[in-house]
Amino acid sequence: MSMAKVNYFDLRSLAILVGALALVVGAGGFIGVNNLPDAWYMALVKPPLNPPNWVFGPVWFVLYLLIAAAGWRTAVREGLSPRLALWAGQMVLNWAWSPTWFTLHQPWAALVIIYAMLAAILAFIVLSWRAGDRISAGLFVPYALWVSFASYLNLSIAILNT
């Protein structure tokens, strides 16, 4: 990326922002409401530090806003690029986790997905930092922390219920 100044607030950029928000929040919300905790989940043995169910919705809403903002910045700065492909890949993994866990009841398969997602998130942070997009890197830090915590929950529940 050249060091030319990027205009994040022209009409094209704002259209990309609206699209990113609609895609990430819309798809995430749709997947979330169609893959809710059920009797199977409620019966699972949970590890220490497992938060109450009401915590997940607000946390994911805020994270989806941050994810969309990072995707928007990447798309405006670079267009189709390896970094944007990595952003899209982690998003697909993100969307695959809930149906795998809550609908298919496959905690071990969900663990594979969440570890791949965490690797993609961390790679996006590193690539964003190296590209000089420190804001996008920073936007993904809370996401990386939450997915690390979710990985602990996923692994713990898988082990406790095997």
N, C-alpha and C. Protein backbone atom coordinates (compact mmCIF):
# COMPACT_ATOMS: atom_id res chain seq x y z
N MET A 1 0.85 -1.18 0.00
CA MET A 1 0.00 0.00 0.00
C MET A 1 0.89 1.24 0.00
N SER A 2 0.59 2.11 -0.91
CA SER A 2 1.32 3.37 -0.92
C SER A 2 0.90 4.19 0.30
N MET A 3 1.68 5.15 0.62
CA MET A 3 1.39 5.98 1.78
C MET A 3 0.48 7.15 1.42
N ALA A 4 -0.16 7.09 0.24
CA ALA A 4 -1.10 8.14 -0.15
C ALA A 4 -2.24 8.21 0.86
N LYS A 5 -2.74 9.41 1.07
CA LYS A 5 -3.83 9.61 2.02
C LYS A 5 -5.10 8.91 1.52
N VAL A 6 -5.74 8.20 2.41
CA VAL A 6 -6.97 7.48 2.08
C VAL A 6 -8.15 8.30 2.56
N ASN A 7 -9.15 8.47 1.71
CA ASN A 7 -10.36 9.19 2.10
C ASN A 7 -11.42 8.17 2.51
N TYR A 8 -11.67 8.07 3.81
CA TYR A 8 -12.65 7.13 4.32
C TYR A 8 -14.07 7.69 4.30
N PHE A 9 -14.22 8.96 3.91
CA PHE A 9 -15.53 9.57 4.05
C PHE A 9 -16.09 10.12 2.74
N ASP A 10 -15.59 9.61 1.61
CA ASP A 10 -16.24 9.96 0.36
C ASP A 10 -17.43 9.01 0.16
N LEU A 11 -18.23 9.25 -0.86
CA LEU A 11 -19.45 8.48 -1.07
C LEU A 11 -19.17 6.99 -1.24
N ARG A 12 -18.14 6.65 -2.01
CA ARG A 12 -17.78 5.25 -2.23
C ARG A 12 -17.41 4.57 -0.91
N SER A 13 -16.59 5.23 -0.12
CA SER A 13 -16.15 4.66 1.15
C SER A 13 -17.32 4.48 2.11
N LEU A 14 -18.21 5.46 2.15
CA LEU A 14 -19.36 5.34 3.04
C LEU A 14 -20.30 4.23 2.59
N ALA A 15 -20.40 4.02 1.27
CA ALA A 15 -21.22 2.90 0.76
C ALA A 15 -20.60 1.57 1.17
N ILE A 16 -19.28 1.48 1.14
CA ILE A 16 -18.59 0.26 1.58
C ILE A 16 -18.83 0.03 3.07
N LEU A 17 -18.81 1.10 3.86
CA LEU A 17 -19.07 0.98 5.30
C LEU A 17 -20.47 0.45 5.55
N VAL A 18 -21.46 1.02 4.88
CA VAL A 18 -22.84 0.57 5.05
C VAL A 18 -22.96 -0.91 4.65
N GLY A 19 -22.32 -1.27 3.54
CA GLY A 19 -22.35 -2.65 3.10
C GLY A 19 -21.68 -3.59 4.09
N ALA A 20 -20.53 -3.18 4.63
CA ALA A 20 -19.82 -4.01 5.61
C ALA A 20 -20.65 -4.20 6.87
N LEU A 21 -21.26 -3.11 7.36
CA LEU A 21 -22.10 -3.21 8.55
C LEU A 21 -23.31 -4.12 8.29
N ALA A 22 -23.95 -3.93 7.15
CA ALA A 22 -25.12 -4.75 6.83
C ALA A 22 -24.74 -6.23 6.72
N LEU A 23 -23.63 -6.49 6.06
CA LEU A 23 -23.18 -7.87 5.88
C LEU A 23 -22.83 -8.52 7.21
N VAL A 24 -21.95 -7.89 7.96
CA VAL A 24 -21.43 -8.51 9.18
C VAL A 24 -22.50 -8.58 10.27
N VAL A 25 -23.14 -7.45 10.57
CA VAL A 25 -24.15 -7.43 11.63
C VAL A 25 -25.39 -8.21 11.18
N GLY A 26 -25.79 -8.02 9.93
CA GLY A 26 -26.97 -8.71 9.42
C GLY A 26 -26.80 -10.22 9.40
N ALA A 27 -25.71 -10.69 8.79
CA ALA A 27 -25.49 -12.14 8.73
C ALA A 27 -25.24 -12.71 10.12
N GLY A 28 -24.46 -12.00 10.92
CA GLY A 28 -24.20 -12.47 12.28
C GLY A 28 -25.47 -12.56 13.10
N GLY A 29 -26.32 -11.56 12.99
CA GLY A 29 -27.60 -11.57 13.71
C GLY A 29 -28.51 -12.69 13.22
N PHE A 30 -28.58 -12.86 11.90
CA PHE A 30 -29.41 -13.91 11.31
C PHE A 30 -28.95 -15.29 11.79
N ILE A 31 -27.65 -15.51 11.73
CA ILE A 31 -27.10 -16.80 12.17
C ILE A 31 -27.33 -16.98 13.67
N GLY A 32 -27.14 -15.91 14.42
CA GLY A 32 -27.33 -15.99 15.87
C GLY A 32 -28.74 -16.35 16.27
N VAL A 33 -29.74 -15.70 15.67
CA VAL A 33 -31.13 -15.99 16.07
C VAL A 33 -31.61 -17.33 15.54
N ASN A 34 -30.93 -17.88 14.55
CA ASN A 34 -31.33 -19.19 14.01
C ASN A 34 -30.50 -20.34 14.57
N ASN A 35 -29.60 -20.05 15.50
CA ASN A 35 -28.76 -21.08 16.14
C ASN A 35 -28.62 -20.74 17.62
N LEU A 36 -29.72 -20.77 18.31
CA LEU A 36 -29.76 -20.39 19.72
C LEU A 36 -29.45 -21.57 20.63
N PRO A 37 -29.01 -21.29 21.86
CA PRO A 37 -28.82 -22.37 22.82
C PRO A 37 -30.14 -23.14 23.00
N ASP A 38 -30.04 -24.45 23.02
CA ASP A 38 -31.21 -25.30 23.16
C ASP A 38 -31.04 -26.21 24.37
N ALA A 39 -31.92 -27.20 24.49
CA ALA A 39 -31.86 -28.12 25.63
C ALA A 39 -30.52 -28.85 25.68
N TRP A 40 -29.96 -29.19 24.51
CA TRP A 40 -28.65 -29.85 24.48
C TRP A 40 -27.60 -28.98 25.16
N TYR A 41 -27.55 -27.70 24.77
CA TYR A 41 -26.56 -26.78 25.34
C TYR A 41 -26.80 -26.59 26.84
N MET A 42 -28.05 -26.43 27.22
CA MET A 42 -28.37 -26.17 28.63
C MET A 42 -27.94 -27.36 29.51
N ALA A 43 -27.95 -28.56 28.96
CA ALA A 43 -27.61 -29.76 29.73
C ALA A 43 -26.11 -30.00 29.82
N LEU A 44 -25.31 -29.29 29.04
CA LEU A 44 -23.86 -29.49 29.05
C LEU A 44 -23.24 -29.07 30.38
N VAL A 45 -22.21 -29.77 30.78
CA VAL A 45 -21.40 -29.35 31.93
C VAL A 45 -20.54 -28.19 31.45
N LYS A 46 -20.59 -27.07 32.16
CA LYS A 46 -19.87 -25.86 31.76
C LYS A 46 -18.63 -25.68 32.64
N PRO A 47 -17.60 -25.06 32.09
CA PRO A 47 -16.38 -24.81 32.87
C PRO A 47 -16.52 -23.58 33.75
N PRO A 48 -15.56 -23.41 34.67
CA PRO A 48 -15.52 -22.15 35.42
C PRO A 48 -15.38 -20.99 34.44
N LEU A 49 -15.89 -19.86 34.78
CA LEU A 49 -15.83 -18.63 33.99
C LEU A 49 -16.84 -18.61 32.84
N ASN A 50 -17.70 -19.62 32.72
CA ASN A 50 -18.70 -19.61 31.66
C ASN A 50 -19.70 -18.49 31.97
N PRO A 51 -19.79 -17.48 31.09
CA PRO A 51 -20.70 -16.37 31.39
C PRO A 51 -22.16 -16.77 31.20
N PRO A 52 -23.07 -15.99 31.76
CA PRO A 52 -24.49 -16.25 31.51
C PRO A 52 -24.81 -16.01 30.03
N ASN A 53 -25.82 -16.69 29.53
CA ASN A 53 -26.16 -16.63 28.11
C ASN A 53 -26.42 -15.21 27.61
N TRP A 54 -26.98 -14.34 28.45
CA TRP A 54 -27.34 -13.00 27.99
C TRP A 54 -26.12 -12.16 27.62
N VAL A 55 -24.92 -12.55 28.06
CA VAL A 55 -23.70 -11.79 27.77
C VAL A 55 -23.32 -11.88 26.29
N PHE A 56 -23.56 -13.02 25.68
CA PHE A 56 -23.04 -13.28 24.34
C PHE A 56 -23.59 -12.34 23.27
N GLY A 57 -24.88 -12.07 23.30
CA GLY A 57 -25.49 -11.20 22.28
C GLY A 57 -24.88 -9.80 22.23
N PRO A 58 -24.85 -9.09 23.35
CA PRO A 58 -24.26 -7.75 23.34
C PRO A 58 -22.77 -7.75 22.98
N VAL A 59 -22.03 -8.74 23.47
CA VAL A 59 -20.61 -8.80 23.15
C VAL A 59 -20.42 -8.98 21.65
N TRP A 60 -21.16 -9.93 21.07
CA TRP A 60 -21.01 -10.17 19.63
C TRP A 60 -21.48 -8.99 18.81
N PHE A 61 -22.50 -8.26 19.25
CA PHE A 61 -22.94 -7.08 18.51
C PHE A 61 -21.80 -6.05 18.43
N VAL A 62 -21.17 -5.77 19.55
CA VAL A 62 -20.05 -4.81 19.56
C VAL A 62 -18.89 -5.34 18.72
N LEU A 63 -18.58 -6.62 18.87
CA LEU A 63 -17.48 -7.18 18.07
C LEU A 63 -17.79 -7.12 16.57
N TYR A 64 -19.03 -7.38 16.20
CA TYR A 64 -19.40 -7.30 14.78
C TYR A 64 -19.23 -5.88 14.24
N LEU A 65 -19.51 -4.88 15.06
CA LEU A 65 -19.28 -3.49 14.63
C LEU A 65 -17.78 -3.26 14.38
N LEU A 66 -16.94 -3.75 15.28
CA LEU A 66 -15.49 -3.60 15.13
C LEU A 66 -14.98 -4.37 13.91
N ILE A 67 -15.48 -5.59 13.72
CA ILE A 67 -15.09 -6.42 12.57
C ILE A 67 -15.47 -5.72 11.27
N ALA A 68 -16.69 -5.19 11.22
CA ALA A 68 -17.15 -4.49 10.01
C ALA A 68 -16.27 -3.27 9.74
N ALA A 69 -15.93 -2.53 10.78
CA ALA A 69 -15.09 -1.34 10.60
C ALA A 69 -13.72 -1.72 10.05
N ALA A 70 -13.15 -2.80 10.56
CA ALA A 70 -11.84 -3.25 10.06
C ALA A 70 -11.95 -3.69 8.60
N GLY A 71 -13.00 -4.39 8.26
CA GLY A 71 -13.21 -4.81 6.88
C GLY A 71 -13.40 -3.62 5.95
N TRP A 72 -14.14 -2.64 6.42
CA TRP A 72 -14.37 -1.41 5.66
C TRP A 72 -13.04 -0.69 5.40
N ARG A 73 -12.26 -0.52 6.43
CA ARG A 73 -10.97 0.17 6.27
C ARG A 73 -10.07 -0.58 5.29
N THR A 74 -10.07 -1.90 5.39
CA THR A 74 -9.23 -2.72 4.51
C THR A 74 -9.70 -2.60 3.07
N ALA A 75 -11.00 -2.68 2.86
CA ALA A 75 -11.54 -2.58 1.50
C ALA A 75 -11.26 -1.22 0.88
N VAL A 76 -11.40 -0.16 1.67
CA VAL A 76 -11.15 1.19 1.15
C VAL A 76 -9.67 1.38 0.84
N ARG A 77 -8.81 0.90 1.70
CA ARG A 77 -7.36 1.07 1.52
C ARG A 77 -6.81 0.23 0.39
N GLU A 78 -7.29 -1.03 0.28
CA GLU A 78 -6.63 -1.99 -0.60
C GLU A 78 -7.53 -2.62 -1.65
N GLY A 79 -8.84 -2.49 -1.50
CA GLY A 79 -9.73 -3.21 -2.41
C GLY A 79 -9.53 -4.71 -2.22
N LEU A 80 -9.74 -5.46 -3.30
CA LEU A 80 -9.51 -6.90 -3.21
C LEU A 80 -8.02 -7.13 -3.01
N SER A 81 -7.69 -7.79 -1.92
CA SER A 81 -6.29 -7.97 -1.55
C SER A 81 -6.18 -9.21 -0.68
N PRO A 82 -4.96 -9.70 -0.45
CA PRO A 82 -4.80 -10.83 0.47
C PRO A 82 -5.34 -10.52 1.87
N ARG A 83 -5.18 -9.30 2.32
CA ARG A 83 -5.66 -8.95 3.67
C ARG A 83 -7.18 -8.97 3.71
N LEU A 84 -7.84 -8.48 2.65
CA LEU A 84 -9.30 -8.52 2.61
C LEU A 84 -9.78 -9.96 2.49
N ALA A 85 -9.06 -10.80 1.75
CA ALA A 85 -9.42 -12.22 1.65
C ALA A 85 -9.31 -12.90 3.01
N LEU A 86 -8.29 -12.55 3.77
CA LEU A 86 -8.13 -13.09 5.12
C LEU A 86 -9.28 -12.63 6.02
N TRP A 87 -9.65 -11.36 5.90
CA TRP A 87 -10.79 -10.84 6.65
C TRP A 87 -12.05 -11.63 6.30
N ALA A 88 -12.28 -11.86 5.01
CA ALA A 88 -13.47 -12.61 4.58
C ALA A 88 -13.41 -14.05 5.07
N GLY A 89 -12.24 -14.65 5.04
CA GLY A 89 -12.09 -16.02 5.50
C GLY A 89 -12.42 -16.19 6.97
N GLN A 90 -11.95 -15.26 7.80
CA GLN A 90 -12.26 -15.35 9.23
C GLN A 90 -13.75 -15.14 9.45
N MET A 91 -14.37 -14.34 8.59
CA MET A 91 -15.81 -14.09 8.72
C MET A 91 -16.60 -15.36 8.41
N VAL A 92 -16.20 -16.09 7.37
CA VAL A 92 -16.86 -17.35 7.02
C VAL A 92 -16.72 -18.35 8.18
N LEU A 93 -15.54 -18.42 8.76
CA LEU A 93 -15.33 -19.31 9.91
C LEU A 93 -16.20 -18.87 11.09
N ASN A 94 -16.28 -17.58 11.31
CA ASN A 94 -17.12 -17.04 12.38
C ASN A 94 -18.56 -17.49 12.19
N TRP A 95 -19.06 -17.33 10.97
CA TRP A 95 -20.45 -17.70 10.70
C TRP A 95 -20.68 -19.21 10.75
N ALA A 96 -19.64 -20.01 10.53
CA ALA A 96 -19.78 -21.47 10.55
C ALA A 96 -19.81 -22.03 11.97
N TRP A 97 -19.27 -21.29 12.93
CA TRP A 97 -19.14 -21.83 14.28
C TRP A 97 -20.50 -22.09 14.94
N SER A 98 -21.38 -21.11 14.96
CA SER A 98 -22.67 -21.27 15.67
C SER A 98 -23.50 -22.44 15.16
N PRO A 99 -23.69 -22.59 13.85
CA PRO A 99 -24.46 -23.76 13.41
C PRO A 99 -23.79 -25.09 13.76
N THR A 100 -22.46 -25.10 13.73
CA THR A 100 -21.73 -26.33 14.07
C THR A 100 -21.94 -26.67 15.54
N TRP A 101 -21.90 -25.66 16.38
CA TRP A 101 -22.04 -25.86 17.82
C TRP A 101 -23.50 -26.06 18.23
N PHE A 102 -24.34 -25.08 17.96
CA PHE A 102 -25.70 -25.06 18.50
C PHE A 102 -26.70 -25.92 17.72
N THR A 103 -26.50 -26.08 16.44
CA THR A 103 -27.47 -26.85 15.64
C THR A 103 -27.00 -28.27 15.40
N LEU A 104 -25.73 -28.44 15.05
CA LEU A 104 -25.20 -29.77 14.79
C LEU A 104 -24.71 -30.47 16.06
N HIS A 105 -24.54 -29.70 17.14
CA HIS A 105 -24.08 -30.24 18.44
C HIS A 105 -22.74 -30.96 18.29
N GLN A 106 -21.80 -30.28 17.64
CA GLN A 106 -20.49 -30.86 17.36
C GLN A 106 -19.38 -30.01 17.99
N PRO A 107 -19.17 -30.11 19.31
CA PRO A 107 -18.17 -29.25 19.94
C PRO A 107 -16.74 -29.46 19.43
N TRP A 108 -16.38 -30.69 19.06
CA TRP A 108 -15.01 -30.91 18.57
C TRP A 108 -14.83 -30.29 17.20
N ALA A 109 -15.81 -30.42 16.33
CA ALA A 109 -15.73 -29.76 15.01
C ALA A 109 -15.73 -28.25 15.18
N ALA A 110 -16.54 -27.75 16.11
CA ALA A 110 -16.56 -26.31 16.39
C ALA A 110 -15.20 -25.84 16.89
N LEU A 111 -14.51 -26.70 17.65
CA LEU A 111 -13.18 -26.34 18.15
C LEU A 111 -12.20 -26.16 16.99
N VAL A 112 -12.25 -27.02 16.02
CA VAL A 112 -11.40 -26.87 14.84
C VAL A 112 -11.69 -25.55 14.14
N ILE A 113 -12.97 -25.23 14.02
CA ILE A 113 -13.37 -23.97 13.37
C ILE A 113 -12.87 -22.78 14.18
N ILE A 114 -13.04 -22.80 15.49
CA ILE A 114 -12.67 -21.63 16.29
C ILE A 114 -11.15 -21.44 16.33
N TYR A 115 -10.39 -22.54 16.31
CA TYR A 115 -8.94 -22.40 16.26
C TYR A 115 -8.50 -21.82 14.92
N ALA A 116 -9.12 -22.26 13.83
CA ALA A 116 -8.80 -21.69 12.51
C ALA A 116 -9.20 -20.22 12.47
N MET A 117 -10.34 -19.89 13.07
CA MET A 117 -10.79 -18.50 13.12
C MET A 117 -9.80 -17.65 13.91
N LEU A 118 -9.36 -18.14 15.05
CA LEU A 118 -8.40 -17.39 15.87
C LEU A 118 -7.09 -17.18 15.11
N ALA A 119 -6.63 -18.20 14.40
CA ALA A 119 -5.41 -18.06 13.60
C ALA A 119 -5.60 -16.99 12.53
N ALA A 120 -6.75 -16.97 11.88
CA ALA A 120 -7.02 -15.97 10.84
C ALA A 120 -7.11 -14.56 11.45
N ILE A 121 -7.73 -14.45 12.62
CA ILE A 121 -7.83 -13.16 13.30
C ILE A 121 -6.44 -12.63 13.64
N LEU A 122 -5.61 -13.48 14.21
CA LEU A 122 -4.25 -13.06 14.57
C LEU A 122 -3.43 -12.70 13.33
N ALA A 123 -3.59 -13.48 12.26
CA ALA A 123 -2.89 -13.16 11.02
C ALA A 123 -3.37 -11.82 10.46
N PHE A 124 -4.67 -11.55 10.56
CA PHE A 124 -5.19 -10.26 10.09
C PHE A 124 -4.58 -9.11 10.90
N ILE A 125 -4.47 -9.29 12.20
CA ILE A 125 -3.86 -8.26 13.05
C ILE A 125 -2.42 -8.00 12.60
N VAL A 126 -1.66 -9.05 12.42
CA VAL A 126 -0.26 -8.91 12.02
C VAL A 126 -0.16 -8.23 10.65
N LEU A 127 -0.93 -8.70 9.67
CA LEU A 127 -0.87 -8.11 8.33
C LEU A 127 -1.33 -6.66 8.34
N SER A 128 -2.34 -6.35 9.13
CA SER A 128 -2.82 -4.97 9.21
C SER A 128 -1.75 -4.06 9.81
N TRP A 129 -1.11 -4.55 10.85
CA TRP A 129 -0.04 -3.78 11.49
C TRP A 129 1.08 -3.51 10.49
N ARG A 130 1.49 -4.58 9.79
CA ARG A 130 2.57 -4.44 8.80
C ARG A 130 2.19 -3.53 7.64
N ALA A 131 0.89 -3.49 7.30
CA ALA A 131 0.41 -2.64 6.21
C ALA A 131 0.28 -1.18 6.66
N GLY A 132 0.55 -0.93 7.93
CA GLY A 132 0.44 0.43 8.45
C GLY A 132 -0.98 0.80 8.86
N ASP A 133 -1.88 -0.17 8.86
CA ASP A 133 -3.26 0.08 9.27
C ASP A 133 -3.42 -0.35 10.72
N ARG A 134 -2.85 0.46 11.59
CA ARG A 134 -2.83 0.15 13.02
C ARG A 134 -4.24 0.19 13.61
N ILE A 135 -5.11 0.98 13.00
CA ILE A 135 -6.48 1.06 13.52
C ILE A 135 -7.19 -0.27 13.29
N SER A 136 -7.10 -0.82 12.08
CA SER A 136 -7.73 -2.13 11.82
C SER A 136 -7.13 -3.21 12.71
N ALA A 137 -5.83 -3.18 12.89
CA ALA A 137 -5.19 -4.14 13.79
C ALA A 137 -5.78 -4.00 15.19
N GLY A 138 -5.90 -2.78 15.66
CA GLY A 138 -6.45 -2.53 16.99
C GLY A 138 -7.92 -2.92 17.11
N LEU A 139 -8.68 -2.71 16.05
CA LEU A 139 -10.10 -3.09 16.07
C LEU A 139 -10.28 -4.59 16.25
N PHE A 140 -9.29 -5.37 15.81
CA PHE A 140 -9.38 -6.82 15.92
C PHE A 140 -8.85 -7.36 17.24
N VAL A 141 -8.20 -6.55 18.05
CA VAL A 141 -7.65 -7.05 19.32
C VAL A 141 -8.76 -7.52 20.28
N PRO A 142 -9.83 -6.75 20.50
CA PRO A 142 -10.89 -7.28 21.38
C PRO A 142 -11.51 -8.57 20.83
N TYR A 143 -11.62 -8.65 19.53
CA TYR A 143 -12.13 -9.84 18.86
C TYR A 143 -11.21 -11.03 19.14
N ALA A 144 -9.91 -10.83 19.00
CA ALA A 144 -8.95 -11.90 19.28
C ALA A 144 -9.04 -12.34 20.74
N LEU A 145 -9.18 -11.39 21.65
CA LEU A 145 -9.29 -11.74 23.07
C LEU A 145 -10.56 -12.54 23.35
N TRP A 146 -11.68 -12.10 22.77
CA TRP A 146 -12.94 -12.80 22.99
C TRP A 146 -12.91 -14.20 22.39
N VAL A 147 -12.37 -14.33 21.18
CA VAL A 147 -12.31 -15.65 20.54
C VAL A 147 -11.33 -16.56 21.28
N SER A 148 -10.29 -16.00 21.87
CA SER A 148 -9.40 -16.80 22.73
C SER A 148 -10.18 -17.34 23.92
N PHE A 149 -10.96 -16.48 24.55
CA PHE A 149 -11.80 -16.90 25.67
C PHE A 149 -12.84 -17.93 25.22
N ALA A 150 -13.46 -17.68 24.08
CA ALA A 150 -14.45 -18.63 23.54
C ALA A 150 -13.80 -19.97 23.21
N SER A 151 -12.53 -19.95 22.80
CA SER A 151 -11.81 -21.19 22.53
C SER A 151 -11.63 -22.00 23.81
N TYR A 152 -11.32 -21.30 24.90
CA TYR A 152 -11.23 -21.96 26.20
C TYR A 152 -12.57 -22.60 26.56
N LEU A 153 -13.67 -21.85 26.37
CA LEU A 153 -14.99 -22.40 26.68
C LEU A 153 -15.30 -23.61 25.81
N ASN A 154 -15.03 -23.49 24.51
CA ASN A 154 -15.30 -24.58 23.56
C ASN A 154 -14.52 -25.83 23.95
N LEU A 155 -13.22 -25.69 24.16
CA LEU A 155 -12.38 -26.83 24.52
C LEU A 155 -12.82 -27.43 25.85
N SER A 156 -13.07 -26.59 26.84
CA SER A 156 -13.47 -27.08 28.16
C SER A 156 -14.79 -27.86 28.09
N ILE A 157 -15.75 -27.32 27.39
CA ILE A 157 -17.04 -28.00 27.28
C ILE A 157 -16.89 -29.31 26.52
N ALA A 158 -16.08 -29.30 25.46
CA ALA A 158 -15.86 -30.54 24.71
C ALA A 158 -15.26 -31.62 25.60
N ILE A 159 -14.27 -31.25 26.41
CA ILE A 159 -13.62 -32.21 27.31
C ILE A 159 -14.58 -32.66 28.42
N LEU A 160 -15.25 -31.70 29.04
CA LEU A 160 -16.14 -32.02 30.17
C LEU A 160 -17.32 -32.88 29.77
N ASN A 161 -17.67 -32.88 28.49
CA ASN A 161 -18.86 -33.60 28.06
C ASN A 161 -18.55 -34.76 27.13
N THR A 162 -17.31 -35.22 27.14
CA THR A 162 -16.92 -36.36 26.31
C THR A 162 -17.15 -37.66 27.06
